[in-house]
Every structure is written in C-alpha cells, then in structure tokens.
C-alpha cells in the first residue's frame, strides 16, 4: 500500500513541476537559456526499463502505447509492474 502511495505522489510531483514550467514564462526562458528540455516520455521509458516506480498512467493506455512506439519498450518491460 505504501509503495502505491509513493508512486502516486512521485507522479503528482513530477506532473506539477512540468505544469509549473509550462505556465511560467520566466521558467520557460530559463529552460531555453540553459538548453535543456524535459522529455517526460524518455524519462519514464528509462525508469520502466530500470524497473523503477512510475505512475499507473504510464503503464496503460495511450502513454504505454507511446512508450512502446517511440522508445523501444516491449510488453515484457511492463510485466514487472503487474
């Protein structure tokens, strides 16, 4: 039970940070100036490959399909989460 809560909290914090950057012109300029880019799909694909905790929304539906199509994951990579 505690692991599911931690996973949900981790996902919520990550999405909140992305949302904060998306809504702040100042943060957007800072991101562009430093030349880095938050690729949520790539980060979650790597976490799944490494067996790290991810939010449920990355394990099914359109997010799962995108990870399989664009990041080379297979159904086998998702088996450890069932």
Protein backbone atom coordinates (compact mmCIF):
# COMPACT_ATOMS: atom_id res chain seq x y z
CA UNK A 1 0.00 0.00 0.00
CA UNK A 2 2.76 2.47 0.94
CA UNK A 3 4.58 1.78 -2.34
CA UNK A 4 1.46 2.67 -4.37
CA UNK A 5 1.07 5.91 -2.43
CA UNK A 6 4.72 6.82 -3.03
CA UNK A 7 4.33 6.08 -6.73
CA UNK A 8 1.24 8.27 -6.93
CA UNK A 9 2.97 11.10 -5.06
CA UNK A 10 6.09 10.86 -7.26
CA UNK A 11 3.92 11.07 -10.39
CA UNK A 12 1.93 14.00 -8.99
CA UNK A 13 5.08 15.94 -8.07
CA UNK A 14 6.61 15.36 -11.49
CA UNK A 15 3.46 16.48 -13.30
CA UNK A 16 3.20 19.55 -11.03
CA UNK A 17 6.76 20.58 -11.92
CA UNK A 18 6.09 20.21 -15.63
CA UNK A 19 2.86 22.19 -15.27
CA UNK A 20 4.66 24.92 -13.36
CA UNK A 21 7.22 25.35 -16.13
CA UNK A 22 4.51 25.26 -18.80
CA UNK A 23 2.64 28.14 -17.13
CA UNK A 24 5.57 30.37 -16.23
CA UNK A 25 7.20 32.47 -18.96
CA UNK A 26 10.14 33.11 -16.63
CA UNK A 27 10.79 29.42 -16.09
CA UNK A 28 10.34 28.74 -19.81
CA UNK A 29 13.03 31.32 -20.63
CA UNK A 30 15.33 29.75 -18.05
CA UNK A 31 14.81 26.30 -19.56
CA UNK A 32 15.53 27.61 -23.06
CA UNK A 33 18.56 29.60 -21.91
CA UNK A 34 20.14 26.59 -20.25
CA UNK A 35 19.36 24.45 -23.28
CA UNK A 36 17.70 21.56 -21.52
CA UNK A 37 14.39 20.00 -22.26
CA UNK A 38 12.14 17.88 -20.08
CA UNK A 39 11.21 14.78 -22.06
CA UNK A 40 8.73 13.10 -19.76
CA UNK A 41 8.27 10.12 -22.07
CA UNK A 42 12.00 9.42 -22.32
CA UNK A 43 12.44 9.73 -18.56
CA UNK A 44 9.57 7.36 -17.83
CA UNK A 45 10.73 4.90 -20.51
CA UNK A 46 14.13 4.71 -18.83
CA UNK A 47 12.52 4.30 -15.41
CA UNK A 48 10.43 1.40 -16.72
CA UNK A 49 13.49 -0.23 -18.32
CA UNK A 50 15.28 0.08 -14.97
CA UNK A 51 12.30 -1.28 -13.00
CA UNK A 52 11.87 1.94 -11.04
CA UNK A 53 8.48 3.14 -9.77
CA UNK A 54 6.27 5.03 -12.22
CA UNK A 55 2.71 6.28 -12.10
CA UNK A 56 -0.09 3.97 -13.19
CA UNK A 57 -0.85 6.28 -16.13
CA UNK A 58 2.46 5.22 -17.75
CA UNK A 59 1.58 1.52 -17.56
CA UNK A 60 -1.56 1.51 -19.69
CA UNK A 61 -3.47 3.32 -22.38
CA UNK A 62 -2.06 5.99 -24.68
CA UNK A 63 1.07 6.59 -22.60
CA UNK A 64 2.01 2.91 -22.73
CA UNK A 65 1.40 2.82 -26.48
CA UNK A 66 3.61 5.89 -26.96
CA UNK A 67 6.42 4.37 -24.89
CA UNK A 68 6.29 1.17 -26.93
CA UNK A 69 6.13 3.02 -30.26
CA UNK A 70 8.61 5.83 -29.64
CA UNK A 71 11.03 4.48 -27.03
CA UNK A 72 11.52 0.83 -27.89
CA UNK A 73 9.80 -0.66 -24.87
CA UNK A 74 8.13 -4.05 -25.18
CA UNK A 75 5.31 -5.75 -23.32
CA UNK A 76 7.99 -7.64 -21.43
CA UNK A 77 9.25 -4.36 -19.92
CA UNK A 78 5.80 -3.82 -18.39
CA UNK A 79 5.45 -7.33 -16.93
CA UNK A 80 7.29 -6.43 -13.72
CA UNK A 81 4.50 -3.97 -12.88
CA UNK A 82 1.62 -6.47 -12.96
